[in-house]
Amino acid sequence: MTTRTIASVELATNEHVGSFSIKNVFPTRNLKQVDPFLLVHHMPSTELKPGSDTRIPPHPHAGFDVMTYLLEGEFFHRDSQGHDQIAGAGDINWMSAGAGIVHSEGPTSQMLQKGGKVQLLQIWINLPAEKKHGAPVFHHYNSASLPKLQKEVYSLKVVLGKFGDYTSPVATQTPMFLYHLQLRKGQPVTLPVDPSYTSALYIMKGSLQVLNSKPVAGELVNFEMNGDQVSFTAIEDAELILLGGAPIKEKVVSYGPFVMNSLEEVQGAIADYESGRMGTLSY
């Protein structure tokens, strides 16, 4: 077994999506993607005051998959294909935009009325060229359906892909993995990684020792593809995600929520949206 070395450590930037304050984990100036993952946004635990009115209005997506992994609270999803789904803590709303879809999302009306905490990860995942023009698809996965391992020094939820004999029910369109881990202070953890896969970890809470580096909450460690395992130790109790997959290795041309392989395809997706061919959504 060979432990992967660190390619870079990236600091998430503080940004806004609508009225929500989020951490943009990547893309950054230095790290454009962790192929096939295009984007990771982390909304840290946020207290909504009773009577808040904060949602993300209807907007388009085309050419990639979108995963909303809710960590706290309740979040709704609506789209131009007629889906209307509420996710609770630990649930996943998965939308494959394909040729194009319009959706809106945000805390539920009940949560806005009563207030409470919301925390989530939203992740964009690229599609290979032959799948960018397919029909849009939406799936919801309950938290209880995601396998979880409880070890002495860590817990691991298989959000995407496989870990040993445990397999996530989420149907991805290319091979990948995403694990949600809780670590206890002071114990080393070593996890296997397919040698042909990319890999990176993002720390949501706490701090780690990763080889000679000590990344903290809000930082991402991007690993070189030079081994078949990753190793780290929690300096303090920590929470993180570890993700990666088989790289698609195709040209990425993007404009906002449209991710294609050429400028002509992006222009076509914009035209489809503006003409209403992606459908419409009032809210």
C-alpha atoms as a PDB file:
ATOM      1  CA  MET A   1       0.000   0.000   0.000  1.00  0.00           C
ATOM      2  CA  THR A   2       1.248   3.472  -0.942  1.00  0.00           C
ATOM      3  CA  THR A   3       0.045   6.627   0.800  1.00  0.00           C
ATOM      4  CA  ARG A   4      -0.820   9.536  -1.454  1.00  0.00           C
ATOM      5  CA  THR A   5       1.044  12.801  -1.059  1.00  0.00           C
ATOM      6  CA  ILE A   6      -0.504  16.267  -1.034  1.00  0.00           C
ATOM      7  CA  ALA A   7      -0.851  18.184  -4.289  1.00  0.00           C
ATOM      8  CA  SER A   8      -2.170  21.369  -2.659  1.00  0.00           C
ATOM      9  CA  VAL A   9      -4.097  22.770   0.277  1.00  0.00           C
ATOM     10  CA  GLU A  10      -6.845  25.214  -0.694  1.00  0.00           C
ATOM     11  CA  LEU A  11      -8.680  27.672   1.564  1.00  0.00           C
ATOM     12  CA  ALA A  12     -12.427  27.947   0.894  1.00  0.00           C
ATOM     13  CA  THR A  13     -13.571  31.491   0.137  1.00  0.00           C
ATOM     14  CA  ASN A  14     -16.555  33.197   1.750  1.00  0.00           C
ATOM     15  CA  GLU A  15     -19.188  33.982  -0.867  1.00  0.00           C
ATOM     16  CA  HIS A  16     -22.943  34.413  -1.282  1.00  0.00           C
ATOM     17  CA  VAL A  17     -25.470  32.370  -3.255  1.00  0.00           C
ATOM     18  CA  GLY A  18     -28.569  34.492  -3.234  1.00  0.00           C
ATOM     19  CA  SER A  19     -28.958  35.576   0.392  1.00  0.00           C
ATOM     20  CA  PHE A  20     -27.080  32.544   1.736  1.00  0.00           C
ATOM     21  CA  SER A  21     -23.521  32.836   3.051  1.00  0.00           C
ATOM     22  CA  ILE A  22     -21.484  29.863   1.841  1.00  0.00           C
ATOM     23  CA  LYS A  23     -17.918  28.618   1.618  1.00  0.00           C
ATOM     24  CA  ASN A  24     -16.756  28.033  -1.933  1.00  0.00           C
ATOM     25  CA  VAL A  25     -14.434  25.043  -1.540  1.00  0.00           C
ATOM     26  CA  PHE A  26     -13.684  24.842  -5.262  1.00  0.00           C
ATOM     27  CA  PRO A  27     -13.290  25.854  -8.026  1.00  0.00           C
ATOM     28  CA  THR A  28     -10.550  28.238  -6.912  1.00  0.00           C
ATOM     29  CA  ARG A  29      -7.868  30.144  -8.773  1.00  0.00           C
ATOM     30  CA  ASN A  30      -5.500  27.214  -8.202  1.00  0.00           C
ATOM     31  CA  LEU A  31      -7.893  24.256  -8.318  1.00  0.00           C
ATOM     32  CA  LYS A  32     -10.441  24.202 -11.121  1.00  0.00           C
ATOM     33  CA  GLN A  33     -11.939  20.795 -10.306  1.00  0.00           C
ATOM     34  CA  VAL A  34     -11.391  17.425  -8.674  1.00  0.00           C
ATOM     35  CA  ASP A  35     -12.483  15.581 -11.798  1.00  0.00           C
ATOM     36  CA  PRO A  36     -15.350  14.608 -12.084  1.00  0.00           C
ATOM     37  CA  PHE A  37     -16.363  17.021  -9.289  1.00  0.00           C
ATOM     38  CA  LEU A  38     -16.784  20.556 -10.611  1.00  0.00           C
ATOM     39  CA  LEU A  39     -17.844  22.492  -7.537  1.00  0.00           C
ATOM     40  CA  VAL A  40     -18.324  22.102  -3.793  1.00  0.00           C
ATOM     41  CA  HIS A  41     -20.252  24.690  -1.793  1.00  0.00           C
ATOM     42  CA  HIS A  42     -20.587  24.327   1.969  1.00  0.00           C
ATOM     43  CA  MET A  43     -23.257  26.278   3.799  1.00  0.00           C
ATOM     44  CA  PRO A  44     -22.051  26.107   7.421  1.00  0.00           C
ATOM     45  CA  SER A  45     -24.616  25.748  10.168  1.00  0.00           C
ATOM     46  CA  THR A  46     -26.804  28.851   9.830  1.00  0.00           C
ATOM     47  CA  GLU A  47     -29.503  29.995  12.233  1.00  0.00           C
ATOM     48  CA  LEU A  48     -32.647  31.178  10.424  1.00  0.00           C
ATOM     49  CA  LYS A  49     -34.744  33.624  12.385  1.00  0.00           C
ATOM     50  CA  PRO A  50     -38.523  32.976  12.562  1.00  0.00           C
ATOM     51  CA  GLY A  51     -40.225  34.796   9.708  1.00  0.00           C
ATOM     52  CA  SER A  52     -37.203  34.688   7.404  1.00  0.00           C
ATOM     53  CA  ASP A  53     -37.834  34.748   3.659  1.00  0.00           C
ATOM     54  CA  THR A  54     -34.671  33.408   2.098  1.00  0.00           C
ATOM     55  CA  ARG A  55     -34.811  31.057  -0.869  1.00  0.00           C
ATOM     56  CA  ILE A  56     -33.072  30.569  -4.201  1.00  0.00           C
ATOM     57  CA  PRO A  57     -35.525  31.455  -6.995  1.00  0.00           C
ATOM     58  CA  PRO A  58     -35.940  29.445 -10.216  1.00  0.00           C
ATOM     59  CA  HIS A  59     -32.761  29.119 -12.249  1.00  0.00           C
ATOM     60  CA  PRO A  60     -31.460  26.747 -14.962  1.00  0.00           C
ATOM     61  CA  HIS A  61     -28.840  23.995 -15.014  1.00  0.00           C
ATOM     62  CA  ALA A  62     -27.513  22.001 -17.981  1.00  0.00           C
ATOM     63  CA  GLY A  63     -24.722  19.504 -18.612  1.00  0.00           C
ATOM     64  CA  PHE A  64     -23.993  18.167 -15.119  1.00  0.00           C
ATOM     65  CA  ASP A  65     -25.439  16.562 -11.979  1.00  0.00           C
ATOM     66  CA  VAL A  66     -26.310  18.497  -8.828  1.00  0.00           C
ATOM     67  CA  MET A  67     -26.327  16.919  -5.372  1.00  0.00           C
ATOM     68  CA  THR A  68     -27.738  18.709  -2.341  1.00  0.00           C
ATOM     69  CA  TYR A  69     -26.666  16.840   0.798  1.00  0.00           C
ATOM     70  CA  LEU A  70     -28.538  18.284   3.744  1.00  0.00           C
ATOM     71  CA  LEU A  71     -26.760  18.141   7.090  1.00  0.00           C
ATOM     72  CA  GLU A  72     -29.237  20.146   9.210  1.00  0.00           C
ATOM     73  CA  GLY A  73     -32.764  21.471   8.769  1.00  0.00           C
ATOM     74  CA  GLU A  74     -35.246  21.068   5.921  1.00  0.00           C
ATOM     75  CA  PHE A  75     -34.735  22.082   2.297  1.00  0.00           C
ATOM     76  CA  PHE A  76     -37.197  21.903  -0.595  1.00  0.00           C
ATOM     77  CA  HIS A  77     -36.545  21.166  -4.263  1.00  0.00           C
ATOM     78  CA  ARG A  78     -38.919  22.074  -7.107  1.00  0.00           C
ATOM     79  CA  ASP A  79     -38.257  21.789 -10.825  1.00  0.00           C
ATOM     80  CA  SER A  80     -39.763  22.263 -14.258  1.00  0.00           C
ATOM     81  CA  GLN A  81     -40.278  18.496 -14.602  1.00  0.00           C
ATOM     82  CA  GLY A  82     -42.869  18.590 -11.814  1.00  0.00           C
ATOM     83  CA  HIS A  83     -40.802  17.284  -8.906  1.00  0.00           C
ATOM     84  CA  ASP A  84     -41.501  18.777  -5.470  1.00  0.00           C
ATOM     85  CA  GLN A  85     -39.410  17.199  -2.723  1.00  0.00           C
ATOM     86  CA  ILE A  86     -38.425  18.060   0.838  1.00  0.00           C
ATOM     87  CA  ALA A  87     -35.085  16.834   2.191  1.00  0.00           C
ATOM     88  CA  GLY A  88     -34.467  16.415   5.910  1.00  0.00           C
ATOM     89  CA  ALA A  89     -31.190  16.142   7.769  1.00  0.00           C
ATOM     90  CA  GLY A  90     -28.969  13.489   6.173  1.00  0.00           C
ATOM     91  CA  ASP A  91     -31.048  13.252   2.984  1.00  0.00           C
ATOM     92  CA  ILE A  92     -29.900  13.762  -0.609  1.00  0.00           C
ATOM     93  CA  ASN A  93     -31.699  15.514  -3.453  1.00  0.00           C
ATOM     94  CA  TRP A  94     -29.994  14.477  -6.694  1.00  0.00           C
ATOM     95  CA  MET A  95     -30.760  16.223  -9.980  1.00  0.00           C
ATOM     96  CA  SER A  96     -29.201  15.219 -13.271  1.00  0.00           C
ATOM     97  CA  ALA A  97     -29.696  18.323 -15.374  1.00  0.00           C
ATOM     98  CA  GLY A  98     -28.810  16.668 -18.677  1.00  0.00           C
ATOM     99  CA  ALA A  99     -29.933  18.856 -21.579  1.00  0.00           C
ATOM    100  CA  GLY A 100     -31.486  21.348 -19.186  1.00  0.00           C
ATOM    101  CA  ILE A 101     -33.894  21.898 -16.318  1.00  0.00           C
ATOM    102  CA  VAL A 102     -35.125  24.800 -14.202  1.00  0.00           C
ATOM    103  CA  HIS A 103     -35.322  24.419 -10.418  1.00  0.00           C
ATOM    104  CA  SER A 104     -35.665  26.351  -7.180  1.00  0.00           C
ATOM    105  CA  GLU A 105     -34.659  25.420  -3.648  1.00  0.00           C
ATOM    106  CA  GLY A 106     -34.453  26.675  -0.113  1.00  0.00           C
ATOM    107  CA  PRO A 107     -35.635  26.144   3.465  1.00  0.00           C
ATOM    108  CA  THR A 108     -39.221  24.894   3.702  1.00  0.00           C
ATOM    109  CA  SER A 109     -42.071  27.285   4.479  1.00  0.00           C
ATOM    110  CA  GLN A 110     -42.481  25.661   7.881  1.00  0.00           C
ATOM    111  CA  MET A 111     -38.824  26.159   8.699  1.00  0.00           C
ATOM    112  CA  LEU A 112     -38.903  29.780   7.566  1.00  0.00           C
ATOM    113  CA  GLN A 113     -41.906  30.362   9.777  1.00  0.00           C
ATOM    114  CA  LYS A 114     -40.483  28.683  12.888  1.00  0.00           C
ATOM    115  CA  GLY A 115     -36.777  29.296  12.356  1.00  0.00           C
ATOM    116  CA  GLY A 116     -33.957  26.835  12.991  1.00  0.00           C
ATOM    117  CA  LYS A 117     -30.547  25.713  11.750  1.00  0.00           C
ATOM    118  CA  VAL A 118     -29.674  24.800   8.169  1.00  0.00           C
ATOM    119  CA  GLN A 119     -26.406  23.274   6.953  1.00  0.00           C
ATOM    120  CA  LEU A 120     -25.717  21.624   3.610  1.00  0.00           C
ATOM    121  CA  LEU A 121     -23.267  20.732   0.909  1.00  0.00           C
ATOM    122  CA  GLN A 122     -24.120  21.398  -2.714  1.00  0.00           C
ATOM    123  CA  ILE A 123     -21.913  19.577  -5.184  1.00  0.00           C
ATOM    124  CA  TRP A 124     -21.757  19.781  -8.974  1.00  0.00           C
ATOM    125  CA  ILE A 125     -20.552  16.692 -10.821  1.00  0.00           C
ATOM    126  CA  ASN A 126     -19.558  16.725 -14.475  1.00  0.00           C
ATOM    127  CA  LEU A 127     -21.138  14.504 -17.098  1.00  0.00           C
ATOM    128  CA  PRO A 128     -19.239  12.984 -20.031  1.00  0.00           C
ATOM    129  CA  ALA A 129     -20.039  14.455 -23.431  1.00  0.00           C
ATOM    130  CA  GLU A 130     -22.375  11.625 -24.431  1.00  0.00           C
ATOM    131  CA  LYS A 131     -24.569  12.222 -21.371  1.00  0.00           C
ATOM    132  CA  LYS A 132     -24.797  16.007 -21.393  1.00  0.00           C
ATOM    133  CA  HIS A 133     -27.835  16.071 -23.679  1.00  0.00           C
ATOM    134  CA  GLY A 134     -29.972  13.416 -21.987  1.00  0.00           C
ATOM    135  CA  ALA A 135     -33.353  13.916 -20.365  1.00  0.00           C
ATOM    136  CA  PRO A 136     -33.295  15.521 -16.892  1.00  0.00           C
ATOM    137  CA  VAL A 137     -33.763  13.135 -13.952  1.00  0.00           C
ATOM    138  CA  PHE A 138     -34.431  13.717 -10.248  1.00  0.00           C
ATOM    139  CA  HIS A 139     -34.063  11.313  -7.306  1.00  0.00           C
ATOM    140  CA  HIS A 140     -34.441  11.689  -3.556  1.00  0.00           C
ATOM    141  CA  TYR A 141     -32.553   9.468  -1.092  1.00  0.00           C
ATOM    142  CA  ASN A 142     -33.447   9.208   2.582  1.00  0.00           C
ATOM    143  CA  SER A 143     -30.673   9.353   5.151  1.00  0.00           C
ATOM    144  CA  ALA A 144     -31.611   5.877   6.411  1.00  0.00           C
ATOM    145  CA  SER A 145     -30.787   4.399   2.988  1.00  0.00           C
ATOM    146  CA  LEU A 146     -27.136   5.533   3.130  1.00  0.00           C
ATOM    147  CA  PRO A 147     -24.828   2.886   4.657  1.00  0.00           C
ATOM    148  CA  LYS A 148     -22.923   3.933   7.765  1.00  0.00           C
ATOM    149  CA  LEU A 149     -19.939   2.257   9.408  1.00  0.00           C
ATOM    150  CA  GLN A 150     -19.141   2.822  13.053  1.00  0.00           C
ATOM    151  CA  LYS A 151     -15.515   2.174  13.981  1.00  0.00           C
ATOM    152  CA  GLU A 152     -13.814   2.783  17.301  1.00  0.00           C
ATOM    153  CA  VAL A 153     -12.139   6.001  16.149  1.00  0.00           C
ATOM    154  CA  TYR A 154     -14.401   7.185  13.330  1.00  0.00           C
ATOM    155  CA  SER A 155     -17.799   6.882  11.679  1.00  0.00           C
ATOM    156  CA  LEU A 156     -18.149   6.827   7.894  1.00  0.00           C
ATOM    157  CA  LYS A 157     -21.291   7.343   5.842  1.00  0.00           C
ATOM    158  CA  VAL A 158     -21.112   6.118   2.234  1.00  0.00           C
ATOM    159  CA  VAL A 159     -22.819   9.023   0.469  1.00  0.00           C
ATOM    160  CA  LEU A 160     -21.638   8.053  -3.032  1.00  0.00           C
ATOM    161  CA  GLY A 161     -19.934   4.960  -4.406  1.00  0.00           C
ATOM    162  CA  LYS A 162     -18.621   2.026  -2.403  1.00  0.00           C
ATOM    163  CA  PHE A 163     -16.575   1.402   0.698  1.00  0.00           C
ATOM    164  CA  GLY A 164     -15.676  -2.264   1.183  1.00  0.00           C
ATOM    165  CA  ASP A 165     -18.946  -4.220   1.180  1.00  0.00           C
ATOM    166  CA  TYR A 166     -21.060  -1.081   1.632  1.00  0.00           C
ATOM    167  CA  THR A 167     -22.634   0.604  -1.403  1.00  0.00           C
ATOM    168  CA  SER A 168     -24.560   3.860  -1.604  1.00  0.00           C
ATOM    169  CA  PRO A 169     -27.965   3.639  -3.322  1.00  0.00           C
ATOM    170  CA  VAL A 170     -27.238   6.854  -5.239  1.00  0.00           C
ATOM    171  CA  ALA A 171     -27.002   6.103  -8.957  1.00  0.00           C
ATOM    172  CA  THR A 172     -24.064   8.065 -10.372  1.00  0.00           C
ATOM    173  CA  GLN A 173     -23.325   8.249 -14.085  1.00  0.00           C
ATOM    174  CA  THR A 174     -19.574   7.740 -13.757  1.00  0.00           C
ATOM    175  CA  PRO A 175     -17.558   5.956 -11.021  1.00  0.00           C
ATOM    176  CA  MET A 176     -16.953   8.098  -7.919  1.00  0.00           C
ATOM    177  CA  PHE A 177     -17.068   8.128  -4.142  1.00  0.00           C
ATOM    178  CA  LEU A 178     -17.933  10.538  -1.366  1.00  0.00           C
ATOM    179  CA  TYR A 179     -17.628   9.627   2.309  1.00  0.00           C
ATOM    180  CA  HIS A 180     -18.850  11.732   5.244  1.00  0.00           C
ATOM    181  CA  LEU A 181     -16.601  11.117   8.245  1.00  0.00           C
ATOM    182  CA  GLN A 182     -16.638  11.983  11.935  1.00  0.00           C
ATOM    183  CA  LEU A 183     -13.236  11.498  13.614  1.00  0.00           C
ATOM    184  CA  ARG A 184     -12.159  11.291  17.222  1.00  0.00           C
ATOM    185  CA  LYS A 185      -9.077  13.182  18.312  1.00  0.00           C
ATOM    186  CA  GLY A 186      -5.684  11.543  18.178  1.00  0.00           C
ATOM    187  CA  GLN A 187      -6.224   8.353  16.198  1.00  0.00           C
ATOM    188  CA  PRO A 188      -4.764   7.824  12.690  1.00  0.00           C
ATOM    189  CA  VAL A 189      -7.160   6.827   9.905  1.00  0.00           C
ATOM    190  CA  THR A 190      -6.098   5.200   6.647  1.00  0.00           C
ATOM    191  CA  LEU A 191      -8.637   4.683   3.860  1.00  0.00           C
ATOM    192  CA  PRO A 192      -8.172   2.915   0.505  1.00  0.00           C
ATOM    193  CA  VAL A 193      -8.492   4.826  -2.769  1.00  0.00           C
ATOM    194  CA  ASP A 194      -8.629   3.367  -6.261  1.00  0.00           C
ATOM    195  CA  PRO A 195      -5.231   4.218  -7.827  1.00  0.00           C
ATOM    196  CA  SER A 196      -6.970   5.555 -10.946  1.00  0.00           C
ATOM    197  CA  TYR A 197      -9.267   7.917  -8.999  1.00  0.00           C
ATOM    198  CA  THR A 198      -8.774  11.517  -7.987  1.00  0.00           C
ATOM    199  CA  SER A 199      -9.162  12.291  -4.273  1.00  0.00           C
ATOM    200  CA  ALA A 200      -9.522  15.265  -1.945  1.00  0.00           C
ATOM    201  CA  LEU A 201     -10.810  15.932   1.552  1.00  0.00           C
ATOM    202  CA  TYR A 202     -12.611  18.986   2.891  1.00  0.00           C
ATOM    203  CA  ILE A 203     -12.704  19.739   6.608  1.00  0.00           C
ATOM    204  CA  MET A 204     -15.998  21.070   7.955  1.00  0.00           C
ATOM    205  CA  LYS A 205     -15.035  21.011  11.629  1.00  0.00           C
ATOM    206  CA  GLY A 206     -11.803  20.560  13.590  1.00  0.00           C
ATOM    207  CA  SER A 207      -8.284  20.086  12.267  1.00  0.00           C
ATOM    208  CA  LEU A 208      -6.116  17.281  10.924  1.00  0.00           C
ATOM    209  CA  GLN A 209      -2.549  16.152  10.564  1.00  0.00           C
ATOM    210  CA  VAL A 210      -2.086  15.073   6.933  1.00  0.00           C
ATOM    211  CA  LEU A 211       1.525  14.069   6.386  1.00  0.00           C
ATOM    212  CA  ASN A 212       3.459  17.270   7.188  1.00  0.00           C
ATOM    213  CA  SER A 213       0.455  19.571   6.820  1.00  0.00           C
ATOM    214  CA  LYS A 214      -2.075  20.653   9.464  1.00  0.00           C
ATOM    215  CA  PRO A 215      -5.209  21.747   7.578  1.00  0.00           C
ATOM    216  CA  VAL A 216      -8.117  23.207   9.534  1.00  0.00           C
ATOM    217  CA  ALA A 217     -11.865  23.686   9.074  1.00  0.00           C
ATOM    218  CA  GLY A 218     -12.570  25.464   5.806  1.00  0.00           C
ATOM    219  CA  GLU A 219      -9.586  23.973   3.994  1.00  0.00           C
ATOM    220  CA  LEU A 220      -9.412  21.310   1.290  1.00  0.00           C
ATOM    221  CA  VAL A 221      -6.516  18.902   0.812  1.00  0.00           C
ATOM    222  CA  ASN A 222      -6.118  17.809  -2.811  1.00  0.00           C
ATOM    223  CA  PHE A 223      -4.086  14.620  -3.161  1.00  0.00           C
ATOM    224  CA  GLU A 224      -1.748  13.514  -5.903  1.00  0.00           C
ATOM    225  CA  MET A 225      -2.778  10.395  -7.826  1.00  0.00           C
ATOM    226  CA  ASN A 226       0.339   8.537  -6.665  1.00  0.00           C
ATOM    227  CA  GLY A 227      -0.946   5.906  -4.260  1.00  0.00           C
ATOM    228  CA  ASP A 228      -3.786   3.623  -3.230  1.00  0.00           C
ATOM    229  CA  GLN A 229      -4.602   5.065   0.209  1.00  0.00           C
ATOM    230  CA  VAL A 230      -4.919   8.336   2.105  1.00  0.00           C
ATOM    231  CA  SER A 231      -3.930   8.795   5.746  1.00  0.00           C
ATOM    232  CA  PHE A 232      -4.724  11.486   8.309  1.00  0.00           C
ATOM    233  CA  THR A 233      -5.096  12.018  12.058  1.00  0.00           C
ATOM    234  CA  ALA A 234      -7.550  14.284  13.867  1.00  0.00           C
ATOM    235  CA  ILE A 235      -5.696  16.863  15.970  1.00  0.00           C
ATOM    236  CA  GLU A 236      -9.088  17.567  17.544  1.00  0.00           C
ATOM    237  CA  ASP A 237     -12.465  15.954  16.949  1.00  0.00           C
ATOM    238  CA  ALA A 238     -13.199  16.560  13.277  1.00  0.00           C
ATOM    239  CA  GLU A 239     -15.839  16.258  10.563  1.00  0.00           C
ATOM    240  CA  LEU A 240     -14.962  16.024   6.881  1.00  0.00           C
ATOM    241  CA  ILE A 241     -15.847  14.696   3.473  1.00  0.00           C
ATOM    242  CA  LEU A 242     -13.498  12.614   1.330  1.00  0.00           C
ATOM    243  CA  LEU A 243     -14.356  12.540  -2.372  1.00  0.00           C
ATOM    244  CA  GLY A 244     -12.946  11.523  -5.720  1.00  0.00           C
ATOM    245  CA  GLY A 245     -13.593   9.444  -8.780  1.00  0.00           C
ATOM    246  CA  ALA A 246     -12.602   8.306 -12.224  1.00  0.00           C
ATOM    247  CA  PRO A 247     -11.594  11.502 -14.070  1.00  0.00           C
ATOM    248  CA  ILE A 248     -13.600  12.261 -17.216  1.00  0.00           C
ATOM    249  CA  LYS A 249     -10.659  14.106 -18.778  1.00  0.00           C
ATOM    250  CA  GLU A 250     -12.731  16.185 -21.186  1.00  0.00           C
ATOM    251  CA  LYS A 251     -12.653  19.865 -21.996  1.00  0.00           C
ATOM    252  CA  VAL A 252     -14.931  21.897 -19.719  1.00  0.00           C
ATOM    253  CA  VAL A 253     -16.558  25.041 -21.082  1.00  0.00           C
ATOM    254  CA  SER A 254     -18.872  26.690 -18.582  1.00  0.00           C
ATOM    255  CA  TYR A 255     -20.954  29.804 -18.254  1.00  0.00           C
ATOM    256  CA  GLY A 256     -22.679  30.039 -14.878  1.00  0.00           C
ATOM    257  CA  PRO A 257     -25.051  27.058 -14.571  1.00  0.00           C
ATOM    258  CA  PHE A 258     -24.281  25.689 -18.049  1.00  0.00           C
ATOM    259  CA  VAL A 259     -21.367  23.224 -18.285  1.00  0.00           C
ATOM    260  CA  MET A 260     -20.590  21.803 -21.719  1.00  0.00           C
ATOM    261  CA  ASN A 261     -17.638  20.798 -23.894  1.00  0.00           C
ATOM    262  CA  SER A 262     -17.762  23.737 -26.320  1.00  0.00           C
ATOM    263  CA  LEU A 263     -18.883  27.347 -26.515  1.00  0.00           C
ATOM    264  CA  GLU A 264     -21.435  26.386 -29.162  1.00  0.00           C
ATOM    265  CA  GLU A 265     -23.047  23.903 -26.751  1.00  0.00           C
ATOM    266  CA  VAL A 266     -23.181  26.531 -24.005  1.00  0.00           C
ATOM    267  CA  GLN A 267     -24.809  28.991 -26.397  1.00  0.00           C
ATOM    268  CA  GLY A 268     -27.303  26.300 -27.378  1.00  0.00           C
ATOM    269  CA  ALA A 269     -28.170  25.630 -23.721  1.00  0.00           C
ATOM    270  CA  ILE A 270     -28.692  29.351 -23.087  1.00  0.00           C
ATOM    271  CA  ALA A 271     -30.979  29.533 -26.131  1.00  0.00           C
ATOM    272  CA  ASP A 272     -32.947  26.523 -24.877  1.00  0.00           C
ATOM    273  CA  TYR A 273     -33.440  28.191 -21.508  1.00  0.00           C
ATOM    274  CA  GLU A 274     -34.424  31.561 -22.935  1.00  0.00           C
ATOM    275  CA  SER A 275     -36.908  29.945 -25.340  1.00  0.00           C
ATOM    276  CA  GLY A 276     -38.561  27.913 -22.581  1.00  0.00           C
ATOM    277  CA  ARG A 277     -37.457  24.521 -23.885  1.00  0.00           C
ATOM    278  CA  MET A 278     -36.127  23.653 -20.386  1.00  0.00           C
ATOM    279  CA  GLY A 279     -39.601  24.281 -18.992  1.00  0.00           C
ATOM    280  CA  THR A 280     -40.776  27.011 -16.673  1.00  0.00           C
ATOM    281  CA  LEU A 281     -41.200  27.322 -12.911  1.00  0.00           C
ATOM    282  CA  SER A 282     -43.027  30.053 -11.035  1.00  0.00           C
ATOM    283  CA  TYR A 283     -41.190  29.405  -7.737  1.00  0.00           C
END
